[in-house]
């Protein structure tokens, strides 16, 4: 996975270059979670309160992530790695083998972009990277 992230710029000819801080985070992810280029990664993002304060008109877009636990377990059972992205004020999810909850980690925002590019698919609500 580290090679994937480091080669992203040349593969997609973008102007975005990962910062050293991000490269260190990719290295951490590989070591901490054992991600490889062969892993089938799914990015999960479900909108919740906490990112924008005073925006009550957005509450109708919120989701309860605990309602998605069965689906996460099902995907993990079939060998997918579900990587949850979002902010640190989101509802904690139970520990599930195959779930990587990055809402608990302080990280550069570009990590989420690279994960979305790497993922087999995005699973979630109309918010975050697609909202």
N, C-alpha and C. Protein backbone atom coordinates (compact mmCIF):
# COMPACT_ATOMS: atom_id res chain seq x y z
N UNK A 1 0.82 -1.18 0.00
CA UNK A 1 0.00 0.00 0.00
C UNK A 1 0.87 1.25 0.00
N UNK A 2 1.99 1.19 0.67
CA UNK A 2 2.89 2.35 0.69
C UNK A 2 3.31 2.69 -0.73
N UNK A 3 3.68 1.66 -1.52
CA UNK A 3 4.08 1.91 -2.90
C UNK A 3 2.94 2.54 -3.69
N UNK A 4 1.75 2.09 -3.44
CA UNK A 4 0.59 2.66 -4.14
C UNK A 4 0.50 4.15 -3.88
N UNK A 5 0.58 4.55 -2.62
CA UNK A 5 0.46 5.95 -2.27
C UNK A 5 1.61 6.77 -2.84
N UNK A 6 2.79 6.22 -2.76
CA UNK A 6 3.98 6.97 -3.22
C UNK A 6 4.02 7.09 -4.73
N UNK A 7 3.39 6.17 -5.45
CA UNK A 7 3.38 6.23 -6.90
C UNK A 7 2.13 6.90 -7.46
N UNK A 8 1.25 7.31 -6.59
CA UNK A 8 -0.03 7.89 -6.99
C UNK A 8 0.16 9.09 -7.93
N UNK A 9 1.07 9.96 -7.61
CA UNK A 9 1.24 11.16 -8.41
C UNK A 9 1.60 10.83 -9.84
N UNK A 10 2.55 9.93 -10.06
CA UNK A 10 2.95 9.60 -11.42
C UNK A 10 1.85 8.83 -12.16
N UNK A 11 1.12 7.99 -11.48
CA UNK A 11 0.07 7.21 -12.13
C UNK A 11 -1.08 8.08 -12.61
N UNK A 12 -1.43 9.08 -11.85
CA UNK A 12 -2.58 9.91 -12.19
C UNK A 12 -2.20 11.31 -12.65
N UNK A 13 -0.87 11.56 -12.73
CA UNK A 13 -0.36 12.83 -13.22
C UNK A 13 -1.02 14.02 -12.52
N UNK A 14 -1.03 13.99 -11.21
CA UNK A 14 -1.64 15.07 -10.45
C UNK A 14 -0.57 16.01 -9.93
N UNK A 15 -0.99 17.17 -9.51
CA UNK A 15 -0.06 18.14 -8.93
C UNK A 15 0.10 17.91 -7.43
N UNK A 16 -0.64 16.98 -6.90
CA UNK A 16 -0.60 16.76 -5.45
C UNK A 16 0.56 15.85 -5.08
N UNK A 17 1.39 16.31 -4.18
CA UNK A 17 2.51 15.52 -3.70
C UNK A 17 2.32 15.27 -2.22
N UNK A 18 2.34 14.01 -1.78
CA UNK A 18 2.19 13.76 -0.35
C UNK A 18 3.30 14.42 0.45
N UNK A 19 2.92 15.03 1.52
CA UNK A 19 3.89 15.65 2.41
C UNK A 19 4.62 14.57 3.20
N UNK A 20 5.79 14.89 3.75
CA UNK A 20 6.52 13.93 4.57
C UNK A 20 5.64 13.39 5.69
N UNK A 21 4.82 14.26 6.26
CA UNK A 21 3.92 13.86 7.33
C UNK A 21 2.99 12.74 6.83
N UNK A 22 2.51 12.85 5.59
CA UNK A 22 1.62 11.84 5.03
C UNK A 22 2.38 10.55 4.75
N UNK A 23 3.57 10.65 4.20
CA UNK A 23 4.37 9.46 3.96
C UNK A 23 4.60 8.70 5.26
N UNK A 24 4.86 9.42 6.34
CA UNK A 24 5.03 8.78 7.64
C UNK A 24 3.74 8.11 8.07
N UNK A 25 2.60 8.72 7.78
CA UNK A 25 1.32 8.13 8.14
C UNK A 25 1.06 6.86 7.33
N UNK A 26 1.41 6.85 6.05
CA UNK A 26 1.24 5.65 5.24
C UNK A 26 2.08 4.52 5.82
N UNK A 27 3.33 4.84 6.16
CA UNK A 27 4.20 3.83 6.78
C UNK A 27 3.58 3.30 8.06
N UNK A 28 3.01 4.20 8.86
CA UNK A 28 2.34 3.80 10.10
C UNK A 28 1.17 2.87 9.81
N UNK A 29 0.37 3.20 8.80
CA UNK A 29 -0.79 2.37 8.47
C UNK A 29 -0.37 0.97 8.07
N UNK A 30 0.67 0.88 7.27
CA UNK A 30 1.14 -0.44 6.84
C UNK A 30 1.62 -1.24 8.04
N UNK A 31 2.38 -0.60 8.90
CA UNK A 31 2.91 -1.31 10.08
C UNK A 31 1.80 -1.62 11.09
N UNK A 32 0.97 -0.65 11.35
CA UNK A 32 -0.07 -0.79 12.38
C UNK A 32 -1.17 -1.76 11.95
N UNK A 33 -1.59 -1.67 10.69
CA UNK A 33 -2.76 -2.42 10.25
C UNK A 33 -2.43 -3.53 9.24
N UNK A 34 -1.18 -3.60 8.82
CA UNK A 34 -0.78 -4.66 7.90
C UNK A 34 -1.41 -4.56 6.52
N UNK A 35 -1.74 -3.36 6.07
CA UNK A 35 -2.33 -3.19 4.75
C UNK A 35 -1.30 -3.47 3.67
N UNK A 36 -1.74 -4.11 2.60
CA UNK A 36 -0.86 -4.39 1.47
C UNK A 36 -1.54 -3.93 0.19
N UNK A 37 -0.78 -3.90 -0.90
CA UNK A 37 -1.37 -3.52 -2.19
C UNK A 37 -2.41 -4.52 -2.66
N UNK A 38 -2.36 -5.74 -2.14
CA UNK A 38 -3.31 -6.78 -2.54
C UNK A 38 -4.62 -6.75 -1.76
N UNK A 39 -4.68 -5.96 -0.68
CA UNK A 39 -5.89 -5.90 0.13
C UNK A 39 -7.03 -5.24 -0.64
N UNK A 40 -8.23 -5.78 -0.45
CA UNK A 40 -9.44 -5.18 -0.98
C UNK A 40 -9.95 -4.19 0.06
N UNK A 41 -9.74 -2.91 -0.21
CA UNK A 41 -10.08 -1.85 0.74
C UNK A 41 -11.39 -1.21 0.35
N UNK A 42 -12.24 -1.00 1.35
CA UNK A 42 -13.49 -0.27 1.19
C UNK A 42 -13.42 0.93 2.13
N UNK A 43 -13.71 2.11 1.62
CA UNK A 43 -13.73 3.31 2.46
C UNK A 43 -15.16 3.52 2.94
N UNK A 44 -15.30 3.73 4.24
CA UNK A 44 -16.60 3.98 4.87
C UNK A 44 -16.62 5.38 5.47
N UNK A 45 -17.64 6.15 5.11
CA UNK A 45 -17.84 7.45 5.76
C UNK A 45 -19.33 7.68 5.93
N UNK A 46 -19.72 7.92 7.16
CA UNK A 46 -21.13 8.18 7.49
C UNK A 46 -21.21 9.51 8.23
N UNK A 47 -21.98 10.43 7.70
CA UNK A 47 -22.06 11.77 8.28
C UNK A 47 -22.68 11.71 9.67
N UNK A 48 -22.04 12.45 10.60
CA UNK A 48 -22.56 12.62 11.95
C UNK A 48 -22.39 14.07 12.37
N UNK A 49 -23.00 14.43 13.48
CA UNK A 49 -22.79 15.76 14.06
C UNK A 49 -21.35 15.92 14.51
N UNK A 50 -20.95 17.17 14.66
CA UNK A 50 -19.66 17.44 15.27
C UNK A 50 -18.65 18.13 14.39
N UNK A 51 -18.75 17.97 13.08
CA UNK A 51 -17.76 18.60 12.19
C UNK A 51 -18.12 20.06 11.98
N UNK A 52 -19.39 20.33 11.71
CA UNK A 52 -19.86 21.71 11.54
C UNK A 52 -20.81 22.02 12.69
N UNK A 53 -20.45 22.99 13.50
CA UNK A 53 -21.33 23.36 14.61
C UNK A 53 -22.32 24.43 14.15
N UNK A 54 -23.50 24.38 14.73
CA UNK A 54 -24.53 25.37 14.41
C UNK A 54 -25.17 25.18 13.06
N UNK A 55 -25.12 23.98 12.52
CA UNK A 55 -25.71 23.72 11.20
C UNK A 55 -26.83 22.70 11.34
N UNK A 56 -27.84 23.06 12.11
CA UNK A 56 -28.94 22.14 12.37
C UNK A 56 -29.66 21.69 11.10
N UNK A 57 -29.63 22.52 10.07
CA UNK A 57 -30.31 22.15 8.82
C UNK A 57 -29.63 20.97 8.12
N UNK A 58 -28.44 20.59 8.57
CA UNK A 58 -27.74 19.43 7.99
C UNK A 58 -28.05 18.12 8.73
N UNK A 59 -28.74 18.20 9.86
CA UNK A 59 -28.99 17.00 10.67
C UNK A 59 -29.72 15.90 9.90
N UNK A 60 -30.55 16.26 8.95
CA UNK A 60 -31.28 15.24 8.19
C UNK A 60 -30.34 14.37 7.37
N UNK A 61 -29.10 14.82 7.15
CA UNK A 61 -28.11 14.04 6.40
C UNK A 61 -27.32 13.09 7.30
N UNK A 62 -27.50 13.19 8.61
CA UNK A 62 -26.73 12.37 9.55
C UNK A 62 -27.15 10.91 9.49
N UNK A 63 -26.19 10.05 9.86
CA UNK A 63 -26.43 8.60 9.93
C UNK A 63 -26.01 8.10 11.30
N UNK A 64 -26.56 6.97 11.69
CA UNK A 64 -26.13 6.29 12.90
C UNK A 64 -25.21 5.15 12.47
N UNK A 65 -23.91 5.27 12.72
CA UNK A 65 -22.98 4.25 12.24
C UNK A 65 -23.20 2.88 12.87
N UNK A 66 -23.83 2.83 14.02
CA UNK A 66 -24.08 1.53 14.67
C UNK A 66 -25.07 0.69 13.86
N UNK A 67 -25.87 1.35 13.03
CA UNK A 67 -26.79 0.63 12.16
C UNK A 67 -26.08 -0.06 10.99
N UNK A 68 -24.80 0.22 10.81
CA UNK A 68 -24.02 -0.34 9.71
C UNK A 68 -23.09 -1.47 10.16
N UNK A 69 -23.09 -1.79 11.44
CA UNK A 69 -22.15 -2.78 11.99
C UNK A 69 -22.32 -4.14 11.31
N UNK A 70 -23.55 -4.59 11.10
CA UNK A 70 -23.76 -5.89 10.44
C UNK A 70 -23.18 -5.90 9.03
N UNK A 71 -23.34 -4.82 8.31
CA UNK A 71 -22.79 -4.73 6.95
C UNK A 71 -21.26 -4.72 6.99
N UNK A 72 -20.68 -4.03 7.95
CA UNK A 72 -19.22 -4.00 8.09
C UNK A 72 -18.71 -5.41 8.39
N UNK A 73 -19.37 -6.09 9.31
CA UNK A 73 -18.97 -7.46 9.64
C UNK A 73 -19.07 -8.37 8.42
N UNK A 74 -20.12 -8.21 7.63
CA UNK A 74 -20.32 -9.04 6.46
C UNK A 74 -19.18 -8.82 5.46
N UNK A 75 -18.84 -7.56 5.21
CA UNK A 75 -17.75 -7.26 4.28
C UNK A 75 -16.42 -7.81 4.78
N UNK A 76 -16.15 -7.64 6.07
CA UNK A 76 -14.90 -8.15 6.65
C UNK A 76 -14.84 -9.67 6.59
N UNK A 77 -15.99 -10.31 6.75
CA UNK A 77 -16.05 -11.78 6.69
C UNK A 77 -15.59 -12.30 5.33
N UNK A 78 -15.80 -11.50 4.29
CA UNK A 78 -15.40 -11.89 2.94
C UNK A 78 -14.03 -11.34 2.55
N UNK A 79 -13.26 -10.91 3.56
CA UNK A 79 -11.88 -10.54 3.33
C UNK A 79 -11.61 -9.09 3.00
N UNK A 80 -12.64 -8.25 3.00
CA UNK A 80 -12.41 -6.84 2.75
C UNK A 80 -11.86 -6.17 3.99
N UNK A 81 -11.05 -5.14 3.79
CA UNK A 81 -10.62 -4.25 4.88
C UNK A 81 -11.47 -3.01 4.76
N UNK A 82 -12.25 -2.72 5.78
CA UNK A 82 -13.11 -1.54 5.80
C UNK A 82 -12.37 -0.46 6.56
N UNK A 83 -12.07 0.64 5.87
CA UNK A 83 -11.35 1.75 6.47
C UNK A 83 -12.34 2.90 6.64
N UNK A 84 -12.63 3.23 7.88
CA UNK A 84 -13.58 4.30 8.18
C UNK A 84 -12.83 5.62 8.28
N UNK A 85 -13.33 6.62 7.55
CA UNK A 85 -12.74 7.96 7.62
C UNK A 85 -13.76 8.91 8.20
N UNK A 86 -13.29 10.03 8.68
CA UNK A 86 -14.15 11.03 9.28
C UNK A 86 -13.41 11.76 10.38
N UNK A 87 -14.13 12.52 11.16
CA UNK A 87 -13.52 13.33 12.21
C UNK A 87 -13.52 12.61 13.56
N UNK A 88 -12.78 13.16 14.50
CA UNK A 88 -12.57 12.51 15.80
C UNK A 88 -13.76 12.60 16.75
N UNK A 89 -14.83 13.27 16.35
CA UNK A 89 -16.00 13.37 17.22
C UNK A 89 -17.07 12.35 16.86
N UNK A 90 -16.75 11.44 15.96
CA UNK A 90 -17.73 10.45 15.51
C UNK A 90 -17.92 9.34 16.53
N UNK A 91 -19.07 8.68 16.45
CA UNK A 91 -19.42 7.60 17.35
C UNK A 91 -18.42 6.45 17.20
N UNK A 92 -17.85 5.99 18.30
CA UNK A 92 -16.93 4.84 18.21
C UNK A 92 -17.68 3.59 17.75
N UNK A 93 -17.02 2.79 16.94
CA UNK A 93 -17.58 1.51 16.50
C UNK A 93 -16.94 0.39 17.32
N UNK A 94 -17.63 -0.73 17.44
CA UNK A 94 -17.02 -1.86 18.17
C UNK A 94 -15.80 -2.39 17.40
N UNK A 95 -14.94 -3.05 18.10
CA UNK A 95 -13.77 -3.66 17.48
C UNK A 95 -14.23 -4.81 16.58
N UNK A 96 -13.86 -4.74 15.30
CA UNK A 96 -14.24 -5.76 14.33
C UNK A 96 -12.97 -6.11 13.55
N UNK A 97 -12.66 -7.40 13.46
CA UNK A 97 -11.49 -7.83 12.71
C UNK A 97 -11.66 -7.44 11.24
N UNK A 98 -10.80 -6.59 10.73
CA UNK A 98 -10.89 -6.10 9.36
C UNK A 98 -11.33 -4.66 9.27
N UNK A 99 -11.83 -4.08 10.36
CA UNK A 99 -12.23 -2.68 10.40
C UNK A 99 -11.06 -1.84 10.90
N UNK A 100 -10.72 -0.82 10.16
CA UNK A 100 -9.70 0.15 10.56
C UNK A 100 -10.42 1.48 10.72
N UNK A 101 -10.55 1.94 11.95
CA UNK A 101 -11.31 3.16 12.23
C UNK A 101 -10.35 4.33 12.36
N UNK A 102 -10.18 5.06 11.27
CA UNK A 102 -9.27 6.20 11.27
C UNK A 102 -9.88 7.44 11.90
N UNK A 103 -11.15 7.38 12.30
CA UNK A 103 -11.72 8.53 13.00
C UNK A 103 -11.04 8.72 14.35
N UNK A 104 -10.35 7.70 14.81
CA UNK A 104 -9.65 7.77 16.09
C UNK A 104 -8.23 8.30 15.94
N UNK A 105 -7.78 8.52 14.71
CA UNK A 105 -6.40 8.92 14.44
C UNK A 105 -6.33 10.32 13.86
N UNK A 106 -5.39 11.10 14.36
CA UNK A 106 -5.10 12.40 13.77
C UNK A 106 -4.26 12.15 12.53
N UNK A 107 -4.68 12.66 11.37
CA UNK A 107 -3.98 12.36 10.13
C UNK A 107 -4.15 13.53 9.16
N UNK A 108 -3.24 13.62 8.19
CA UNK A 108 -3.41 14.63 7.13
C UNK A 108 -4.65 14.32 6.31
N UNK A 109 -5.36 15.35 5.86
CA UNK A 109 -6.60 15.17 5.09
C UNK A 109 -6.37 14.42 3.80
N UNK A 110 -5.19 14.56 3.20
CA UNK A 110 -4.94 13.89 1.93
C UNK A 110 -4.94 12.37 2.05
N UNK A 111 -4.75 11.86 3.26
CA UNK A 111 -4.80 10.40 3.46
C UNK A 111 -6.17 9.88 3.03
N UNK A 112 -7.23 10.59 3.39
CA UNK A 112 -8.58 10.17 3.01
C UNK A 112 -8.75 10.14 1.49
N UNK A 113 -8.17 11.12 0.81
CA UNK A 113 -8.26 11.18 -0.65
C UNK A 113 -7.57 9.97 -1.26
N UNK A 114 -6.36 9.66 -0.79
CA UNK A 114 -5.64 8.53 -1.33
C UNK A 114 -6.34 7.22 -1.03
N UNK A 115 -6.94 7.12 0.15
CA UNK A 115 -7.68 5.90 0.48
C UNK A 115 -8.88 5.72 -0.45
N UNK A 116 -9.57 6.82 -0.74
CA UNK A 116 -10.71 6.74 -1.67
C UNK A 116 -10.25 6.29 -3.05
N UNK A 117 -9.09 6.78 -3.48
CA UNK A 117 -8.56 6.38 -4.79
C UNK A 117 -8.16 4.91 -4.79
N UNK A 118 -7.69 4.41 -3.68
CA UNK A 118 -7.20 3.03 -3.56
C UNK A 118 -8.34 2.03 -3.38
N UNK A 119 -9.47 2.50 -2.87
CA UNK A 119 -10.56 1.62 -2.46
C UNK A 119 -11.25 0.95 -3.65
N UNK A 120 -11.78 -0.25 -3.39
CA UNK A 120 -12.63 -0.93 -4.37
C UNK A 120 -13.91 -0.13 -4.56
N UNK A 121 -14.43 0.39 -3.44
CA UNK A 121 -15.57 1.28 -3.52
C UNK A 121 -15.73 2.07 -2.23
N UNK A 122 -16.52 3.13 -2.34
CA UNK A 122 -16.86 4.00 -1.21
C UNK A 122 -18.23 3.57 -0.70
N UNK A 123 -18.35 3.43 0.60
CA UNK A 123 -19.60 3.01 1.22
C UNK A 123 -19.97 4.05 2.25
N UNK A 124 -21.11 4.69 2.06
CA UNK A 124 -21.49 5.68 3.05
C UNK A 124 -22.57 6.62 2.56
N UNK A 125 -22.66 7.72 3.27
CA UNK A 125 -23.69 8.71 3.01
C UNK A 125 -23.12 9.84 2.15
N UNK A 126 -24.01 10.67 1.66
CA UNK A 126 -23.62 11.80 0.82
C UNK A 126 -23.04 12.90 1.72
N UNK A 127 -21.79 12.74 2.01
CA UNK A 127 -21.08 13.66 2.90
C UNK A 127 -19.61 13.38 2.78
N UNK A 128 -18.82 14.11 3.55
CA UNK A 128 -17.38 13.87 3.54
C UNK A 128 -16.81 14.02 2.15
N UNK A 129 -16.10 13.03 1.64
CA UNK A 129 -15.42 13.17 0.36
C UNK A 129 -16.36 13.27 -0.84
N UNK A 130 -17.62 12.85 -0.69
CA UNK A 130 -18.54 12.92 -1.82
C UNK A 130 -19.66 13.94 -1.60
N UNK A 131 -19.63 14.65 -0.48
CA UNK A 131 -20.70 15.59 -0.17
C UNK A 131 -20.28 16.96 -0.46
